[in-house]
Amino acid sequence: MAVFTQGTPCWVDAQLPDLEAGKRFYGELFGWTFDPDRDEALLDGRRVAGLLPKRDGRMPTTWTVYLATGDAGTVAARIRAAGGQMVMEPYPVGPFGVLALAADPGGAVFGLRQSGEDDGFETINEPGAFCWMEVYTRDPGAVDTFYATVFGWLGRQVDPADEDRSSGFDYRVWSPPGSRTGDDTAFGGRAVITDAFPAEMPGHVLVYFAVHDCDETCATAVRLGGRIATDPFDTPHGRIAVLHDNQGARFAILAEPEPDPEP
């Protein structure tokens, strides 16, 4: 059984209206294969994500990140006490442990996953696998306090100059409790929904997957019926784009910068 640090991402999944179409899309985009018995995507035989048939047409088609917990019931109580709400109370899923869905004070939905016998990521931070998460919100103060209270996340406010951004850039990087905040321990960040975004955009969590080549992956996604939400752009951490798959689920991709050649 995999062991994940409390409160850190341990799984992602998407519920899709057309599961077979989703498998074709992600299979070619990321090189995934699929376990027919577990609704799981595999990268070179290792678990990287879940793809499931959508059971409720009223729910959005989206990627969900799950945070590790040893006791989903206890965390659910902390979520309510800290100003969040439970979208779906903890429920057992056999060998996959206990799952739940919650929303932070800004409305961003995330999952809880209490470990089962054989579940969670078997690899991350390599092309075709999960590599980062971002919480987008219109109320950064409330959201920062919420995650620190519920999960003990350690936050570090980013210096806009370090990101080649204007002085108003508001971004917070999160590390797990007990660590030292910094890029080497960080697993995600908090961004602000500014006027540059559509007025109707709600708070949400954006899931990132690593890729070899950002532009090439964008072209492949479009060819497969997806679309580009945010064109590729460079950051100090690599080249990023935001995409929608062929059924509307939104996700981001990151191609890390090439290492400097040896002198």
Foldseek 3Di string as FASTA:
>chain_A
DDDDFFFFWFAKEWAFQDQVLVCVLLCVLQVWDADPVFQFTDDVRWTAYGYHHDDDPVDDGAMATEGEDQDQQVLQVLQVVLQKHWPAGWDQDPQQAIKTWIAHNQGAIHMYGNGGNDDTGPDADDGSHWQEKEKEGQCVVSRVSSCCRRFVWDKDWDCQVLWVHDRPFTKIWTFHPPDDDDPVRTHYMYGYDDPVDDPPDTIYMAIEGEHQDQVVSQVSQVVSQKHWPADWDATQQAIKTWIAHNRGYIHMYGHGDDDDDDD
